[in-house]
């Protein structure tokens, strides 16, 4: 069974990238819901850890490195979404 979605493929690709960025950088949501990180820091996301490292511990260099890793992880995720889109036929032009 297959579903053909030629005209909305780019929109779906963009939605996946935005959802991935939201998942990787959920600082606002997690800080509002559970600012302490939960039991044994089980709900601590990377951007919260980055914030605590920089402004609570004062380790700005480590926090900068964590930010670079977060940016690289986001770029790798976006690249994977583009690769999957191309491998599943997203490079074919649709003519109307």
PDB file of N, CA and C in Angstrom:
ATOM      1  N   UNK A   1       0.850  -1.177   0.000  1.00  0.00           N
ATOM      2  CA  UNK A   1       0.000   0.000   0.000  1.00  0.00           C
ATOM      3  C   UNK A   1       0.891   1.234   0.000  1.00  0.00           C
ATOM      4  N   UNK A   2       0.575   2.172  -0.832  1.00  0.00           N
ATOM      5  CA  UNK A   2       1.363   3.404  -0.888  1.00  0.00           C
ATOM      6  C   UNK A   2       0.429   4.593  -1.068  1.00  0.00           C
ATOM      7  N   UNK A   3       0.926   5.727  -0.635  1.00  0.00           N
ATOM      8  CA  UNK A   3       0.173   6.973  -0.750  1.00  0.00           C
ATOM      9  C   UNK A   3       0.994   7.935  -1.598  1.00  0.00           C
ATOM     10  N   UNK A   4       0.388   8.541  -2.579  1.00  0.00           N
ATOM     11  CA  UNK A   4       1.080   9.498  -3.433  1.00  0.00           C
ATOM     12  C   UNK A   4       0.748  10.910  -2.956  1.00  0.00           C
ATOM     13  N   UNK A   5       1.783  11.660  -2.619  1.00  0.00           N
ATOM     14  CA  UNK A   5       1.598  13.030  -2.117  1.00  0.00           C
ATOM     15  C   UNK A   5       2.531  14.003  -2.852  1.00  0.00           C
ATOM     16  N   UNK A   6       2.430  14.089  -4.151  1.00  0.00           N
ATOM     17  CA  UNK A   6       3.431  14.879  -4.887  1.00  0.00           C
ATOM     18  C   UNK A   6       3.379  16.384  -4.612  1.00  0.00           C
ATOM     19  N   UNK A   7       2.223  16.959  -4.432  1.00  0.00           N
ATOM     20  CA  UNK A   7       2.140  18.409  -4.321  1.00  0.00           C
ATOM     21  C   UNK A   7       2.352  18.926  -2.913  1.00  0.00           C
ATOM     22  N   UNK A   8       2.243  18.066  -1.916  1.00  0.00           N
ATOM     23  CA  UNK A   8       2.461  18.542  -0.547  1.00  0.00           C
ATOM     24  C   UNK A   8       3.731  17.971   0.077  1.00  0.00           C
ATOM     25  N   UNK A   9       4.561  17.331  -0.732  1.00  0.00           N
ATOM     26  CA  UNK A   9       5.799  16.735  -0.226  1.00  0.00           C
ATOM     27  C   UNK A   9       6.704  17.781   0.409  1.00  0.00           C
ATOM     28  N   UNK A  10       6.859  18.936  -0.209  1.00  0.00           N
ATOM     29  CA  UNK A  10       7.714  19.984   0.343  1.00  0.00           C
ATOM     30  C   UNK A  10       7.154  20.532   1.653  1.00  0.00           C
ATOM     31  N   UNK A  11       5.831  20.630   1.738  1.00  0.00           N
ATOM     32  CA  UNK A  11       5.222  21.093   2.987  1.00  0.00           C
ATOM     33  C   UNK A  11       5.447  20.098   4.117  1.00  0.00           C
ATOM     34  N   UNK A  12       5.334  18.818   3.810  1.00  0.00           N
ATOM     35  CA  UNK A  12       5.573  17.788   4.816  1.00  0.00           C
ATOM     36  C   UNK A  12       7.036  17.808   5.251  1.00  0.00           C
ATOM     37  N   UNK A  13       7.939  17.986   4.307  1.00  0.00           N
ATOM     38  CA  UNK A  13       9.361  18.064   4.625  1.00  0.00           C
ATOM     39  C   UNK A  13       9.637  19.241   5.562  1.00  0.00           C
ATOM     40  N   UNK A  14       9.056  20.386   5.287  1.00  0.00           N
ATOM     41  CA  UNK A  14       9.231  21.556   6.143  1.00  0.00           C
ATOM     42  C   UNK A  14       8.646  21.311   7.527  1.00  0.00           C
ATOM     43  N   UNK A  15       7.510  20.658   7.595  1.00  0.00           N
ATOM     44  CA  UNK A  15       6.888  20.355   8.891  1.00  0.00           C
ATOM     45  C   UNK A  15       7.773  19.417   9.708  1.00  0.00           C
ATOM     46  N   UNK A  16       8.370  18.415   9.069  1.00  0.00           N
ATOM     47  CA  UNK A  16       9.282  17.519   9.785  1.00  0.00           C
ATOM     48  C   UNK A  16      10.481  18.276  10.335  1.00  0.00           C
ATOM     49  N   UNK A  17      11.023  19.185   9.561  1.00  0.00           N
ATOM     50  CA  UNK A  17      12.183  19.959  10.027  1.00  0.00           C
ATOM     51  C   UNK A  17      11.792  20.837  11.207  1.00  0.00           C
ATOM     52  N   UNK A  18      10.644  21.505  11.124  1.00  0.00           N
ATOM     53  CA  UNK A  18      10.193  22.333  12.249  1.00  0.00           C
ATOM     54  C   UNK A  18       9.913  21.501  13.490  1.00  0.00           C
ATOM     55  N   UNK A  19       9.333  20.313  13.320  1.00  0.00           N
ATOM     56  CA  UNK A  19       9.074  19.449  14.461  1.00  0.00           C
ATOM     57  C   UNK A  19      10.375  18.956  15.089  1.00  0.00           C
ATOM     58  N   UNK A  20      11.367  18.688  14.258  1.00  0.00           N
ATOM     59  CA  UNK A  20      12.663  18.274  14.780  1.00  0.00           C
ATOM     60  C   UNK A  20      13.346  19.381  15.558  1.00  0.00           C
ATOM     61  N   UNK A  21      13.277  20.595  15.054  1.00  0.00           N
ATOM     62  CA  UNK A  21      13.848  21.737  15.765  1.00  0.00           C
ATOM     63  C   UNK A  21      13.113  21.947  17.075  1.00  0.00           C
ATOM     64  N   UNK A  22      11.812  21.818  17.066  1.00  0.00           N
ATOM     65  CA  UNK A  22      11.021  21.952  18.291  1.00  0.00           C
ATOM     66  C   UNK A  22      11.409  20.888  19.310  1.00  0.00           C
ATOM     67  N   UNK A  23      11.616  19.663  18.840  1.00  0.00           N
ATOM     68  CA  UNK A  23      11.986  18.585  19.759  1.00  0.00           C
ATOM     69  C   UNK A  23      13.381  18.789  20.336  1.00  0.00           C
ATOM     70  N   UNK A  24      14.306  19.285  19.532  1.00  0.00           N
ATOM     71  CA  UNK A  24      15.664  19.493  20.019  1.00  0.00           C
ATOM     72  C   UNK A  24      15.784  20.718  20.913  1.00  0.00           C
ATOM     73  N   UNK A  25      14.946  21.708  20.699  1.00  0.00           N
ATOM     74  CA  UNK A  25      15.068  22.950  21.451  1.00  0.00           C
ATOM     75  C   UNK A  25      13.737  23.260  22.138  1.00  0.00           C
ATOM     76  N   UNK A  26      13.356  22.438  23.084  1.00  0.00           N
ATOM     77  CA  UNK A  26      12.083  22.594  23.790  1.00  0.00           C
ATOM     78  C   UNK A  26      12.278  23.310  25.115  1.00  0.00           C
ATOM     79  N   UNK A  27      13.132  24.312  25.145  1.00  0.00           N
ATOM     80  CA  UNK A  27      13.490  24.987  26.385  1.00  0.00           C
ATOM     81  C   UNK A  27      12.291  25.653  27.048  1.00  0.00           C
ATOM     82  N   UNK A  28      11.540  26.416  26.302  1.00  0.00           N
ATOM     83  CA  UNK A  28      10.437  27.198  26.873  1.00  0.00           C
ATOM     84  C   UNK A  28       9.388  26.285  27.496  1.00  0.00           C
ATOM     85  N   UNK A  29       9.043  25.215  26.787  1.00  0.00           N
ATOM     86  CA  UNK A  29       8.001  24.324  27.277  1.00  0.00           C
ATOM     87  C   UNK A  29       8.452  23.584  28.530  1.00  0.00           C
ATOM     88  N   UNK A  30       9.663  23.077  28.517  1.00  0.00           N
ATOM     89  CA  UNK A  30      10.149  22.326  29.668  1.00  0.00           C
ATOM     90  C   UNK A  30      10.444  23.241  30.853  1.00  0.00           C
ATOM     91  N   UNK A  31      10.901  24.445  30.599  1.00  0.00           N
ATOM     92  CA  UNK A  31      11.166  25.383  31.691  1.00  0.00           C
ATOM     93  C   UNK A  31       9.859  25.825  32.347  1.00  0.00           C
ATOM     94  N   UNK A  32       8.809  25.950  31.569  1.00  0.00           N
ATOM     95  CA  UNK A  32       7.521  26.354  32.130  1.00  0.00           C
ATOM     96  C   UNK A  32       6.870  25.206  32.900  1.00  0.00           C
ATOM     97  N   UNK A  33       6.989  23.993  32.382  1.00  0.00           N
ATOM     98  CA  UNK A  33       6.331  22.854  33.012  1.00  0.00           C
ATOM     99  C   UNK A  33       7.104  22.316  34.218  1.00  0.00           C
ATOM    100  N   UNK A  34       8.407  22.211  34.074  1.00  0.00           N
ATOM    101  CA  UNK A  34       9.207  21.614  35.147  1.00  0.00           C
ATOM    102  C   UNK A  34      10.605  22.210  35.092  1.00  0.00           C
ATOM    103  N   UNK A  35      10.786  23.335  35.734  1.00  0.00           N
ATOM    104  CA  UNK A  35      12.047  24.060  35.602  1.00  0.00           C
ATOM    105  C   UNK A  35      13.215  23.379  36.311  1.00  0.00           C
ATOM    106  N   UNK A  36      12.953  22.499  37.252  1.00  0.00           N
ATOM    107  CA  UNK A  36      14.021  21.848  37.996  1.00  0.00           C
ATOM    108  C   UNK A  36      14.609  20.633  37.317  1.00  0.00           C
ATOM    109  N   UNK A  37      14.004  20.153  36.271  1.00  0.00           N
ATOM    110  CA  UNK A  37      14.532  18.988  35.575  1.00  0.00           C
ATOM    111  C   UNK A  37      13.906  17.673  35.982  1.00  0.00           C
ATOM    112  N   UNK A  38      12.926  17.716  36.866  1.00  0.00           N
ATOM    113  CA  UNK A  38      12.219  16.496  37.253  1.00  0.00           C
ATOM    114  C   UNK A  38      13.031  15.632  38.191  1.00  0.00           C
ATOM    115  N   UNK A  39      12.515  14.458  38.502  1.00  0.00           N
ATOM    116  CA  UNK A  39      13.258  13.561  39.390  1.00  0.00           C
ATOM    117  C   UNK A  39      14.532  13.046  38.709  1.00  0.00           C
ATOM    118  N   UNK A  40      15.645  13.310  39.351  1.00  0.00           N
ATOM    119  CA  UNK A  40      16.957  12.895  38.849  1.00  0.00           C
ATOM    120  C   UNK A  40      17.224  13.446  37.445  1.00  0.00           C
ATOM    121  N   UNK A  41      16.745  14.658  37.161  1.00  0.00           N
ATOM    122  CA  UNK A  41      16.939  15.349  35.874  1.00  0.00           C
ATOM    123  C   UNK A  41      16.424  14.531  34.685  1.00  0.00           C
ATOM    124  N   UNK A  42      15.371  13.767  34.868  1.00  0.00           N
ATOM    125  CA  UNK A  42      14.864  12.902  33.807  1.00  0.00           C
ATOM    126  C   UNK A  42      14.168  13.679  32.689  1.00  0.00           C
ATOM    127  N   UNK A  43      13.675  14.881  32.961  1.00  0.00           N
ATOM    128  CA  UNK A  43      12.999  15.657  31.924  1.00  0.00           C
ATOM    129  C   UNK A  43      13.826  16.852  31.463  1.00  0.00           C
ATOM    130  N   UNK A  44      15.098  16.878  31.798  1.00  0.00           N
ATOM    131  CA  UNK A  44      15.972  17.980  31.421  1.00  0.00           C
ATOM    132  C   UNK A  44      16.344  17.852  29.944  1.00  0.00           C
ATOM    133  N   UNK A  45      16.042  18.857  29.139  1.00  0.00           N
ATOM    134  CA  UNK A  45      16.419  18.848  27.734  1.00  0.00           C
ATOM    135  C   UNK A  45      17.760  19.563  27.580  1.00  0.00           C
ATOM    136  N   UNK A  46      18.382  19.395  26.415  1.00  0.00           N
ATOM    137  CA  UNK A  46      19.737  19.915  26.229  1.00  0.00           C
ATOM    138  C   UNK A  46      19.790  21.431  26.355  1.00  0.00           C
ATOM    139  N   UNK A  47      18.785  22.129  25.883  1.00  0.00           N
ATOM    140  CA  UNK A  47      18.817  23.587  25.980  1.00  0.00           C
ATOM    141  C   UNK A  47      18.673  24.056  27.430  1.00  0.00           C
ATOM    142  N   UNK A  48      17.945  23.306  28.259  1.00  0.00           N
ATOM    143  CA  UNK A  48      17.880  23.641  29.688  1.00  0.00           C
ATOM    144  C   UNK A  48      19.225  23.408  30.355  1.00  0.00           C
ATOM    145  N   UNK A  49      19.867  22.309  30.016  1.00  0.00           N
ATOM    146  CA  UNK A  49      21.184  22.029  30.569  1.00  0.00           C
ATOM    147  C   UNK A  49      22.185  23.099  30.134  1.00  0.00           C
ATOM    148  N   UNK A  50      22.066  23.554  28.900  1.00  0.00           N
ATOM    149  CA  UNK A  50      22.916  24.634  28.396  1.00  0.00           C
ATOM    150  C   UNK A  50      22.704  25.898  29.223  1.00  0.00           C
ATOM    151  N   UNK A  51      21.462  26.229  29.491  1.00  0.00           N
ATOM    152  CA  UNK A  51      21.137  27.427  30.278  1.00  0.00           C
ATOM    153  C   UNK A  51      21.693  27.324  31.699  1.00  0.00           C
ATOM    154  N   UNK A  52      21.493  26.160  32.338  1.00  0.00           N
ATOM    155  CA  UNK A  52      22.001  25.974  33.706  1.00  0.00           C
ATOM    156  C   UNK A  52      23.531  26.014  33.741  1.00  0.00           C
ATOM    157  N   UNK A  53      24.163  25.429  32.732  1.00  0.00           N
ATOM    158  CA  UNK A  53      25.626  25.428  32.681  1.00  0.00           C
ATOM    159  C   UNK A  53      26.164  26.843  32.552  1.00  0.00           C
ATOM    160  N   UNK A  54      25.519  27.649  31.727  1.00  0.00           N
ATOM    161  CA  UNK A  54      26.010  29.002  31.505  1.00  0.00           C
ATOM    162  C   UNK A  54      25.719  29.922  32.677  1.00  0.00           C
ATOM    163  N   UNK A  55      24.489  29.943  33.142  1.00  0.00           N
ATOM    164  CA  UNK A  55      24.090  30.988  34.076  1.00  0.00           C
ATOM    165  C   UNK A  55      24.042  30.566  35.533  1.00  0.00           C
ATOM    166  N   UNK A  56      24.005  29.275  35.817  1.00  0.00           N
ATOM    167  CA  UNK A  56      24.055  28.823  37.204  1.00  0.00           C
ATOM    168  C   UNK A  56      25.487  28.448  37.592  1.00  0.00           C
ATOM    169  N   UNK A  57      26.132  27.687  36.718  1.00  0.00           N
ATOM    170  CA  UNK A  57      27.495  27.251  37.000  1.00  0.00           C
ATOM    171  C   UNK A  57      28.544  28.250  36.531  1.00  0.00           C
ATOM    172  N   UNK A  58      28.189  29.130  35.602  1.00  0.00           N
ATOM    173  CA  UNK A  58      29.123  30.126  35.087  1.00  0.00           C
ATOM    174  C   UNK A  58      30.139  29.570  34.104  1.00  0.00           C
ATOM    175  N   UNK A  59      29.868  28.417  33.532  1.00  0.00           N
ATOM    176  CA  UNK A  59      30.780  27.800  32.564  1.00  0.00           C
ATOM    177  C   UNK A  59      30.323  28.146  31.147  1.00  0.00           C
ATOM    178  N   UNK A  60      30.666  29.346  30.719  1.00  0.00           N
ATOM    179  CA  UNK A  60      30.174  29.835  29.435  1.00  0.00           C
ATOM    180  C   UNK A  60      30.825  29.131  28.250  1.00  0.00           C
ATOM    181  N   UNK A  61      32.058  28.722  28.385  1.00  0.00           N
ATOM    182  CA  UNK A  61      32.726  27.999  27.299  1.00  0.00           C
ATOM    183  C   UNK A  61      32.069  26.660  27.029  1.00  0.00           C
ATOM    184  N   UNK A  62      31.787  25.916  28.103  1.00  0.00           N
ATOM    185  CA  UNK A  62      31.104  24.629  27.950  1.00  0.00           C
ATOM    186  C   UNK A  62      29.705  24.823  27.378  1.00  0.00           C
ATOM    187  N   UNK A  63      29.015  25.864  27.830  1.00  0.00           N
ATOM    188  CA  UNK A  63      27.673  26.140  27.307  1.00  0.00           C
ATOM    189  C   UNK A  63      27.736  26.497  25.821  1.00  0.00           C
ATOM    190  N   UNK A  64      28.766  27.223  25.408  1.00  0.00           N
ATOM    191  CA  UNK A  64      28.927  27.546  23.987  1.00  0.00           C
ATOM    192  C   UNK A  64      29.169  26.281  23.170  1.00  0.00           C
ATOM    193  N   UNK A  65      29.983  25.378  23.697  1.00  0.00           N
ATOM    194  CA  UNK A  65      30.223  24.111  23.008  1.00  0.00           C
ATOM    195  C   UNK A  65      28.935  23.293  22.911  1.00  0.00           C
ATOM    196  N   UNK A  66      28.131  23.314  23.971  1.00  0.00           N
ATOM    197  CA  UNK A  66      26.851  22.605  23.936  1.00  0.00           C
ATOM    198  C   UNK A  66      25.926  23.217  22.885  1.00  0.00           C
ATOM    199  N   UNK A  67      25.958  24.538  22.747  1.00  0.00           N
ATOM    200  CA  UNK A  67      25.153  25.203  21.728  1.00  0.00           C
ATOM    201  C   UNK A  67      25.584  24.828  20.326  1.00  0.00           C
ATOM    202  N   UNK A  68      26.889  24.698  20.117  1.00  0.00           N
ATOM    203  CA  UNK A  68      27.389  24.283  18.801  1.00  0.00           C
ATOM    204  C   UNK A  68      26.959  22.855  18.496  1.00  0.00           C
ATOM    205  N   UNK A  69      27.031  21.977  19.497  1.00  0.00           N
ATOM    206  CA  UNK A  69      26.589  20.590  19.301  1.00  0.00           C
ATOM    207  C   UNK A  69      25.098  20.549  18.988  1.00  0.00           C
ATOM    208  N   UNK A  70      24.309  21.381  19.662  1.00  0.00           N
ATOM    209  CA  UNK A  70      22.874  21.440  19.389  1.00  0.00           C
ATOM    210  C   UNK A  70      22.609  21.928  17.966  1.00  0.00           C
ATOM    211  N   UNK A  71      23.370  22.924  17.521  1.00  0.00           N
ATOM    212  CA  UNK A  71      23.209  23.426  16.152  1.00  0.00           C
ATOM    213  C   UNK A  71      23.610  22.368  15.128  1.00  0.00           C
ATOM    214  N   UNK A  72      24.694  21.644  15.381  1.00  0.00           N
ATOM    215  CA  UNK A  72      25.130  20.589  14.463  1.00  0.00           C
ATOM    216  C   UNK A  72      24.106  19.458  14.435  1.00  0.00           C
ATOM    217  N   UNK A  73      23.558  19.093  15.592  1.00  0.00           N
ATOM    218  CA  UNK A  73      22.531  18.045  15.627  1.00  0.00           C
ATOM    219  C   UNK A  73      21.299  18.466  14.833  1.00  0.00           C
ATOM    220  N   UNK A  74      20.926  19.735  14.926  1.00  0.00           N
ATOM    221  CA  UNK A  74      19.790  20.240  14.155  1.00  0.00           C
ATOM    222  C   UNK A  74      20.081  20.178  12.664  1.00  0.00           C
ATOM    223  N   UNK A  75      21.293  20.562  12.267  1.00  0.00           N
ATOM    224  CA  UNK A  75      21.660  20.505  10.845  1.00  0.00           C
ATOM    225  C   UNK A  75      21.706  19.068  10.337  1.00  0.00           C
ATOM    226  N   UNK A  76      22.199  18.141  11.156  1.00  0.00           N
ATOM    227  CA  UNK A  76      22.226  16.734  10.744  1.00  0.00           C
ATOM    228  C   UNK A  76      20.804  16.199  10.585  1.00  0.00           C
ATOM    229  N   UNK A  77      19.924  16.545  11.523  1.00  0.00           N
ATOM    230  CA  UNK A  77      18.531  16.107  11.403  1.00  0.00           C
ATOM    231  C   UNK A  77      17.896  16.667  10.125  1.00  0.00           C
ATOM    232  N   UNK A  78      18.130  17.942   9.836  1.00  0.00           N
ATOM    233  CA  UNK A  78      17.571  18.542   8.622  1.00  0.00           C
ATOM    234  C   UNK A  78      18.133  17.863   7.381  1.00  0.00           C
ATOM    235  N   UNK A  79      19.417  17.558   7.396  1.00  0.00           N
ATOM    236  CA  UNK A  79      20.020  16.855   6.267  1.00  0.00           C
ATOM    237  C   UNK A  79      19.421  15.479   6.064  1.00  0.00           C
ATOM    238  N   UNK A  80      19.136  14.781   7.167  1.00  0.00           N
ATOM    239  CA  UNK A  80      18.500  13.465   7.053  1.00  0.00           C
ATOM    240  C   UNK A  80      17.093  13.569   6.471  1.00  0.00           C
ATOM    241  N   UNK A  81      16.364  14.606   6.860  1.00  0.00           N
ATOM    242  CA  UNK A  81      15.020  14.796   6.299  1.00  0.00           C
ATOM    243  C   UNK A  81      15.113  15.049   4.796  1.00  0.00           C
ATOM    244  N   UNK A  82      16.062  15.875   4.372  1.00  0.00           N
ATOM    245  CA  UNK A  82      16.248  16.132   2.940  1.00  0.00           C
ATOM    246  C   UNK A  82      16.668  14.858   2.206  1.00  0.00           C
ATOM    247  N   UNK A  83      17.544  14.054   2.827  1.00  0.00           N
ATOM    248  CA  UNK A  83      17.995  12.815   2.205  1.00  0.00           C
ATOM    249  C   UNK A  83      16.846  11.829   2.048  1.00  0.00           C
ATOM    250  N   UNK A  84      16.050  11.666   3.082  1.00  0.00           N
ATOM    251  CA  UNK A  84      14.903  10.756   2.991  1.00  0.00           C
ATOM    252  C   UNK A  84      13.920  11.242   1.934  1.00  0.00           C
ATOM    253  N   UNK A  85      13.718  12.541   1.859  1.00  0.00           N
ATOM    254  CA  UNK A  85      12.818  13.096   0.843  1.00  0.00           C
ATOM    255  C   UNK A  85      13.339  12.795  -0.559  1.00  0.00           C
ATOM    256  N   UNK A  86      14.631  12.927  -0.749  1.00  0.00           N
ATOM    257  CA  UNK A  86      15.201  12.659  -2.071  1.00  0.00           C
ATOM    258  C   UNK A  86      15.137  11.168  -2.405  1.00  0.00           C
ATOM    259  N   UNK A  87      15.424  10.322  -1.417  1.00  0.00           N
ATOM    260  CA  UNK A  87      15.406   8.884  -1.662  1.00  0.00           C
ATOM    261  C   UNK A  87      14.006   8.340  -1.908  1.00  0.00           C
ATOM    262  N   UNK A  88      12.999   8.993  -1.386  1.00  0.00           N
ATOM    263  CA  UNK A  88      11.633   8.538  -1.601  1.00  0.00           C
ATOM    264  C   UNK A  88      10.963   9.199  -2.800  1.00  0.00           C
ATOM    265  N   UNK A  89      11.732   9.869  -3.617  1.00  0.00           N
ATOM    266  CA  UNK A  89      11.192  10.424  -4.855  1.00  0.00           C
ATOM    267  C   UNK A  89      10.894  11.902  -4.804  1.00  0.00           C
ATOM    268  N   UNK A  90      11.428  12.622  -3.878  1.00  0.00           N
ATOM    269  CA  UNK A  90      11.154  14.043  -3.757  1.00  0.00           C
ATOM    270  C   UNK A  90      11.882  14.910  -4.765  1.00  0.00           C
ATOM    271  N   UNK A  91      12.842  14.334  -5.501  1.00  0.00           N
ATOM    272  CA  UNK A  91      13.589  15.130  -6.468  1.00  0.00           C
ATOM    273  C   UNK A  91      12.906  15.202  -7.821  1.00  0.00           C
ATOM    274  N   UNK A  92      11.818  14.473  -7.983  1.00  0.00           N
ATOM    275  CA  UNK A  92      11.091  14.491  -9.250  1.00  0.00           C
ATOM    276  C   UNK A  92      10.274  15.783  -9.362  1.00  0.00           C
ATOM    277  N   UNK A  93      10.387  16.432 -10.487  1.00  0.00           N
ATOM    278  CA  UNK A  93       9.621  17.664 -10.706  1.00  0.00           C
ATOM    279  C   UNK A  93       8.173  17.323 -11.061  1.00  0.00           C
ATOM    280  N   UNK A  94       7.271  18.114 -10.530  1.00  0.00           N
ATOM    281  CA  UNK A  94       5.860  17.935 -10.820  1.00  0.00           C
ATOM    282  C   UNK A  94       5.455  19.028 -11.797  1.00  0.00           C
ATOM    283  N   UNK A  95       4.942  18.628 -12.940  1.00  0.00           N
ATOM    284  CA  UNK A  95       4.513  19.611 -13.933  1.00  0.00           C
ATOM    285  C   UNK A  95       2.993  19.662 -13.959  1.00  0.00           C
ATOM    286  N   UNK A  96       2.487  20.858 -14.025  1.00  0.00           N
ATOM    287  CA  UNK A  96       1.033  21.021 -14.071  1.00  0.00           C
ATOM    288  C   UNK A  96       0.541  21.328 -15.455  1.00  0.00           C
TER     289      UNK A  96
END
